[in-house]
Amino acid sequence: MPLTILLRCKDLDETRTFYSSVLGFSIADTAEETLTVEKNGGKLIFTRQDLWNSDPACSGTIYFTIPDTIEYYAMVKDRAKISWPLRQMRYGSREFGVNDCNGYSLAFQQGA
C-alpha cells in the first residue's frame, strides 16, 4: 500500500528547489497551492496552508527506501544537512539521515 504524507512548509519555492536540486526528487505542482515531491515511489505533499494551526513539525523520521544508499549518499552529502552519516545499522539497514529545508527529518535506506 503506497503512502503519501501531507506536510506544511514555510515556502513552496524553497521546498521545490531543495527537493529537486539538493535531493534529486521529481517535482509536480499540484492542486490548491501544493507541491508533490517523489523519489522511488515515496511521495510527500507540501502546502503553505496552516491546516494544523501550528508551525511545521514532525516528531518522527520519514524513511525512503532507495536502490543504492552509497551512490545516493555520495550525491547529497555535500549539499544537504546530514543528520547521521551513511552507516550499517545494527538492525540490518544501511541508511543515512538528512534534515530538509523545513526542519523535517528524512532517512534513506537501502532497498532489498
N, C-alpha and C. Protein backbone atom coordinates (compact mmCIF):
# COMPACT_ATOMS: atom_id res chain seq x y z
N MET A 1 0.84 -1.17 0.00
CA MET A 1 0.00 0.00 0.00
C MET A 1 0.89 1.24 0.00
N PRO A 2 0.81 2.05 -1.04
CA PRO A 2 1.59 3.29 -1.08
C PRO A 2 1.12 4.27 -0.01
N LEU A 3 2.05 5.06 0.48
CA LEU A 3 1.75 6.05 1.50
C LEU A 3 2.23 7.41 1.01
N THR A 4 1.38 8.43 1.15
CA THR A 4 1.75 9.80 0.82
C THR A 4 1.48 10.65 2.06
N ILE A 5 2.43 11.50 2.43
CA ILE A 5 2.32 12.31 3.63
C ILE A 5 2.14 13.78 3.24
N LEU A 6 1.18 14.44 3.85
CA LEU A 6 0.94 15.87 3.65
C LEU A 6 1.63 16.63 4.77
N LEU A 7 2.50 17.56 4.42
CA LEU A 7 3.28 18.33 5.39
C LEU A 7 3.18 19.82 5.10
N ARG A 8 3.23 20.61 6.12
CA ARG A 8 3.26 22.07 5.95
C ARG A 8 4.69 22.51 5.69
N CYS A 9 4.84 23.49 4.82
CA CYS A 9 6.17 24.04 4.56
C CYS A 9 6.14 25.55 4.72
N LYS A 10 7.32 26.10 4.90
CA LYS A 10 7.45 27.55 5.07
C LYS A 10 7.32 28.28 3.74
N ASP A 11 7.89 27.68 2.69
CA ASP A 11 7.99 28.36 1.39
C ASP A 11 8.00 27.29 0.30
N LEU A 12 7.00 27.30 -0.57
CA LEU A 12 6.92 26.29 -1.63
C LEU A 12 8.10 26.37 -2.59
N ASP A 13 8.55 27.57 -2.93
CA ASP A 13 9.67 27.70 -3.86
C ASP A 13 10.96 27.16 -3.25
N GLU A 14 11.21 27.47 -1.98
CA GLU A 14 12.41 26.94 -1.30
C GLU A 14 12.34 25.43 -1.22
N THR A 15 11.16 24.91 -0.90
CA THR A 15 10.98 23.46 -0.80
C THR A 15 11.17 22.80 -2.16
N ARG A 16 10.62 23.39 -3.22
CA ARG A 16 10.79 22.89 -4.59
C ARG A 16 12.28 22.81 -4.95
N THR A 17 13.01 23.88 -4.69
CA THR A 17 14.43 23.93 -5.01
C THR A 17 15.22 22.90 -4.21
N PHE A 18 14.95 22.80 -2.91
CA PHE A 18 15.67 21.84 -2.07
C PHE A 18 15.46 20.41 -2.57
N TYR A 19 14.20 20.03 -2.76
CA TYR A 19 13.92 18.64 -3.13
C TYR A 19 14.37 18.31 -4.55
N SER A 20 14.35 19.26 -5.47
CA SER A 20 14.80 18.97 -6.83
C SER A 20 16.31 19.09 -6.95
N SER A 21 16.89 20.19 -6.50
CA SER A 21 18.32 20.44 -6.71
C SER A 21 19.22 19.72 -5.73
N VAL A 22 18.82 19.64 -4.47
CA VAL A 22 19.66 19.02 -3.45
C VAL A 22 19.44 17.51 -3.38
N LEU A 23 18.17 17.08 -3.36
CA LEU A 23 17.89 15.66 -3.18
C LEU A 23 17.55 14.92 -4.47
N GLY A 24 17.35 15.63 -5.58
CA GLY A 24 17.08 14.97 -6.85
C GLY A 24 15.72 14.30 -6.94
N PHE A 25 14.73 14.81 -6.24
CA PHE A 25 13.37 14.28 -6.31
C PHE A 25 12.69 14.81 -7.57
N SER A 26 11.67 14.08 -8.05
CA SER A 26 10.78 14.59 -9.09
C SER A 26 9.80 15.53 -8.42
N ILE A 27 9.44 16.60 -9.11
CA ILE A 27 8.60 17.65 -8.53
C ILE A 27 7.38 17.87 -9.41
N ALA A 28 6.21 18.08 -8.78
CA ALA A 28 5.00 18.42 -9.52
C ALA A 28 4.20 19.42 -8.71
N ASP A 29 3.80 20.53 -9.35
CA ASP A 29 2.86 21.45 -8.73
C ASP A 29 1.50 20.78 -8.78
N THR A 30 0.83 20.73 -7.64
CA THR A 30 -0.43 20.02 -7.57
C THR A 30 -1.53 20.95 -7.05
N ALA A 31 -2.68 20.42 -6.83
CA ALA A 31 -3.89 21.20 -6.52
C ALA A 31 -3.75 22.10 -5.30
N GLU A 32 -4.48 23.24 -5.35
CA GLU A 32 -4.64 24.13 -4.20
C GLU A 32 -3.32 24.57 -3.59
N GLU A 33 -2.41 25.04 -4.42
CA GLU A 33 -1.11 25.52 -3.95
C GLU A 33 -0.35 24.48 -3.14
N THR A 34 -0.27 23.29 -3.68
CA THR A 34 0.54 22.24 -3.07
C THR A 34 1.62 21.82 -4.05
N LEU A 35 2.61 21.16 -3.51
CA LEU A 35 3.76 20.68 -4.27
C LEU A 35 3.97 19.23 -3.89
N THR A 36 4.05 18.34 -4.87
CA THR A 36 4.30 16.93 -4.61
C THR A 36 5.73 16.60 -5.02
N VAL A 37 6.47 15.97 -4.11
CA VAL A 37 7.84 15.53 -4.40
C VAL A 37 7.85 14.01 -4.32
N GLU A 38 8.66 13.37 -5.19
CA GLU A 38 8.65 11.91 -5.26
C GLU A 38 10.03 11.37 -5.52
N LYS A 39 10.36 10.28 -4.82
CA LYS A 39 11.62 9.57 -5.02
C LYS A 39 11.35 8.08 -4.85
N ASN A 40 11.61 7.31 -5.87
CA ASN A 40 11.45 5.85 -5.83
C ASN A 40 10.09 5.42 -5.28
N GLY A 41 9.03 6.12 -5.68
CA GLY A 41 7.68 5.76 -5.27
C GLY A 41 7.22 6.38 -3.95
N GLY A 42 8.15 6.96 -3.18
CA GLY A 42 7.77 7.63 -1.93
C GLY A 42 7.39 9.08 -2.22
N LYS A 43 6.23 9.50 -1.73
CA LYS A 43 5.74 10.85 -2.04
C LYS A 43 5.48 11.65 -0.78
N LEU A 44 5.80 12.93 -0.88
CA LEU A 44 5.43 13.91 0.13
C LEU A 44 4.68 15.02 -0.59
N ILE A 45 3.63 15.54 0.04
CA ILE A 45 2.92 16.69 -0.49
C ILE A 45 3.14 17.83 0.51
N PHE A 46 3.54 18.98 0.00
CA PHE A 46 3.77 20.15 0.84
C PHE A 46 2.73 21.21 0.54
N THR A 47 2.31 21.90 1.60
CA THR A 47 1.38 23.02 1.47
C THR A 47 1.84 24.15 2.38
N ARG A 48 1.57 25.38 1.97
CA ARG A 48 1.81 26.54 2.84
C ARG A 48 0.63 26.78 3.76
N GLN A 49 -0.50 26.17 3.44
CA GLN A 49 -1.70 26.38 4.24
C GLN A 49 -1.50 25.85 5.66
N ASP A 50 -1.99 26.59 6.64
CA ASP A 50 -1.88 26.17 8.03
C ASP A 50 -3.11 25.34 8.41
N LEU A 51 -3.12 24.11 7.97
CA LEU A 51 -4.25 23.22 8.24
C LEU A 51 -4.25 22.71 9.68
N TRP A 52 -3.13 22.88 10.37
CA TRP A 52 -2.95 22.32 11.71
C TRP A 52 -2.84 23.40 12.79
N ASN A 53 -2.87 24.68 12.40
CA ASN A 53 -2.72 25.79 13.33
C ASN A 53 -1.45 25.69 14.17
N SER A 54 -0.34 25.37 13.50
CA SER A 54 0.94 25.26 14.20
C SER A 54 2.08 25.44 13.20
N ASP A 55 3.29 25.56 13.71
CA ASP A 55 4.48 25.63 12.86
C ASP A 55 4.73 24.25 12.26
N PRO A 56 5.46 24.20 11.13
CA PRO A 56 5.80 22.89 10.57
C PRO A 56 6.56 22.06 11.62
N ALA A 57 6.10 20.85 11.85
CA ALA A 57 6.74 19.99 12.84
C ALA A 57 6.37 18.54 12.56
N CYS A 58 7.28 17.67 12.92
CA CYS A 58 7.05 16.23 12.82
C CYS A 58 7.95 15.59 13.86
N SER A 59 7.40 14.78 14.73
CA SER A 59 8.20 14.21 15.82
C SER A 59 8.94 12.94 15.41
N GLY A 60 8.81 12.53 14.17
CA GLY A 60 9.45 11.30 13.72
C GLY A 60 10.37 11.53 12.54
N THR A 61 10.79 10.45 11.93
CA THR A 61 11.65 10.47 10.75
C THR A 61 10.89 9.80 9.61
N ILE A 62 10.93 10.42 8.44
CA ILE A 62 10.27 9.87 7.25
C ILE A 62 11.32 9.07 6.48
N TYR A 63 11.07 7.78 6.30
CA TYR A 63 12.02 6.88 5.63
C TYR A 63 11.64 6.67 4.17
N PHE A 64 12.65 6.72 3.32
CA PHE A 64 12.52 6.38 1.90
C PHE A 64 13.43 5.18 1.64
N THR A 65 12.91 4.19 0.96
CA THR A 65 13.72 3.04 0.55
C THR A 65 14.19 3.30 -0.87
N ILE A 66 15.50 3.23 -1.06
CA ILE A 66 16.12 3.52 -2.36
C ILE A 66 17.01 2.35 -2.76
N PRO A 67 17.32 2.22 -4.05
CA PRO A 67 18.10 1.07 -4.51
C PRO A 67 19.56 1.08 -4.07
N ASP A 68 20.18 2.26 -3.93
CA ASP A 68 21.62 2.32 -3.65
C ASP A 68 21.94 3.49 -2.73
N THR A 69 22.09 3.20 -1.44
CA THR A 69 22.36 4.28 -0.49
C THR A 69 23.77 4.85 -0.64
N ILE A 70 24.72 4.04 -1.04
CA ILE A 70 26.10 4.53 -1.20
C ILE A 70 26.16 5.58 -2.31
N GLU A 71 25.56 5.30 -3.44
CA GLU A 71 25.54 6.24 -4.56
C GLU A 71 24.75 7.51 -4.21
N TYR A 72 23.59 7.33 -3.59
CA TYR A 72 22.76 8.48 -3.26
C TYR A 72 23.41 9.36 -2.18
N TYR A 73 24.03 8.73 -1.19
CA TYR A 73 24.73 9.49 -0.14
C TYR A 73 25.86 10.32 -0.76
N ALA A 74 26.61 9.73 -1.66
CA ALA A 74 27.69 10.47 -2.34
C ALA A 74 27.13 11.68 -3.09
N MET A 75 25.93 11.56 -3.64
CA MET A 75 25.32 12.66 -4.39
C MET A 75 24.87 13.81 -3.48
N VAL A 76 24.34 13.50 -2.28
CA VAL A 76 23.73 14.55 -1.46
C VAL A 76 24.55 15.00 -0.26
N LYS A 77 25.59 14.27 0.13
CA LYS A 77 26.27 14.55 1.40
C LYS A 77 26.88 15.94 1.51
N ASP A 78 27.29 16.54 0.41
CA ASP A 78 27.87 17.87 0.45
C ASP A 78 26.85 18.97 0.15
N ARG A 79 25.60 18.58 -0.10
CA ARG A 79 24.56 19.57 -0.45
C ARG A 79 23.47 19.69 0.59
N ALA A 80 23.33 18.70 1.46
CA ALA A 80 22.25 18.69 2.45
C ALA A 80 22.84 18.63 3.86
N LYS A 81 22.04 19.04 4.83
CA LYS A 81 22.44 18.92 6.23
C LYS A 81 22.23 17.46 6.65
N ILE A 82 23.32 16.77 6.88
CA ILE A 82 23.28 15.34 7.21
C ILE A 82 23.00 15.17 8.70
N SER A 83 21.96 14.42 9.04
CA SER A 83 21.61 14.14 10.44
C SER A 83 22.52 13.06 11.02
N TRP A 84 22.71 12.02 10.23
CA TRP A 84 23.68 10.97 10.58
C TRP A 84 24.24 10.43 9.28
N PRO A 85 25.54 10.12 9.28
CA PRO A 85 26.19 9.68 8.05
C PRO A 85 25.77 8.25 7.67
N LEU A 86 26.09 7.91 6.45
CA LEU A 86 25.80 6.56 5.95
C LEU A 86 26.48 5.54 6.85
N ARG A 87 25.68 4.57 7.30
CA ARG A 87 26.25 3.51 8.13
C ARG A 87 25.33 2.29 8.12
N GLN A 88 25.94 1.19 8.45
CA GLN A 88 25.20 -0.07 8.60
C GLN A 88 24.64 -0.08 10.01
N MET A 89 23.34 -0.13 10.13
CA MET A 89 22.70 -0.12 11.44
C MET A 89 22.68 -1.54 12.01
N ARG A 90 22.68 -1.64 13.32
CA ARG A 90 22.71 -2.98 13.93
C ARG A 90 21.43 -3.76 13.68
N TYR A 91 20.36 -3.08 13.30
CA TYR A 91 19.11 -3.77 12.97
C TYR A 91 19.06 -4.18 11.50
N GLY A 92 20.17 -4.01 10.77
CA GLY A 92 20.30 -4.57 9.44
C GLY A 92 20.18 -3.61 8.27
N SER A 93 19.78 -2.38 8.51
CA SER A 93 19.58 -1.41 7.43
C SER A 93 20.85 -0.59 7.19
N ARG A 94 21.16 -0.33 5.92
CA ARG A 94 22.21 0.64 5.57
C ARG A 94 21.48 1.93 5.26
N GLU A 95 21.78 3.00 6.01
CA GLU A 95 20.99 4.22 5.87
C GLU A 95 21.77 5.46 6.28
N PHE A 96 21.18 6.62 5.96
CA PHE A 96 21.68 7.90 6.44
C PHE A 96 20.49 8.85 6.59
N GLY A 97 20.71 9.93 7.34
CA GLY A 97 19.64 10.88 7.58
C GLY A 97 19.98 12.27 7.10
N VAL A 98 18.93 13.02 6.75
CA VAL A 98 19.03 14.38 6.24
C VAL A 98 17.96 15.23 6.93
N ASN A 99 18.28 16.49 7.21
CA ASN A 99 17.26 17.45 7.62
C ASN A 99 16.91 18.29 6.41
N ASP A 100 15.61 18.43 6.11
CA ASP A 100 15.22 19.22 4.94
C ASP A 100 15.13 20.71 5.30
N CYS A 101 14.78 21.52 4.33
CA CYS A 101 14.72 22.97 4.49
C CYS A 101 13.60 23.43 5.40
N ASN A 102 12.67 22.55 5.74
CA ASN A 102 11.56 22.88 6.64
C ASN A 102 11.76 22.33 8.05
N GLY A 103 12.88 21.62 8.26
CA GLY A 103 13.16 21.03 9.57
C GLY A 103 12.70 19.60 9.73
N TYR A 104 12.20 18.98 8.66
CA TYR A 104 11.77 17.59 8.73
C TYR A 104 12.97 16.66 8.64
N SER A 105 12.89 15.55 9.36
CA SER A 105 13.94 14.54 9.37
C SER A 105 13.60 13.45 8.34
N LEU A 106 14.51 13.24 7.38
CA LEU A 106 14.34 12.23 6.35
C LEU A 106 15.45 11.20 6.49
N ALA A 107 15.15 9.95 6.21
CA ALA A 107 16.16 8.90 6.18
C ALA A 107 16.04 8.16 4.86
N PHE A 108 17.17 7.71 4.37
CA PHE A 108 17.24 6.95 3.12
C PHE A 108 17.91 5.64 3.43
N GLN A 109 17.18 4.54 3.18
CA GLN A 109 17.68 3.21 3.49
C GLN A 109 17.78 2.37 2.24
N GLN A 110 18.71 1.43 2.28
CA GLN A 110 18.96 0.54 1.14
C GLN A 110 17.78 -0.38 0.91
N GLY A 111 17.33 -0.47 -0.35
CA GLY A 111 16.28 -1.41 -0.70
C GLY A 111 16.82 -2.82 -0.76
N ALA A 112 15.95 -3.78 -0.63
CA ALA A 112 16.36 -5.20 -0.66
C ALA A 112 16.70 -5.64 -2.05
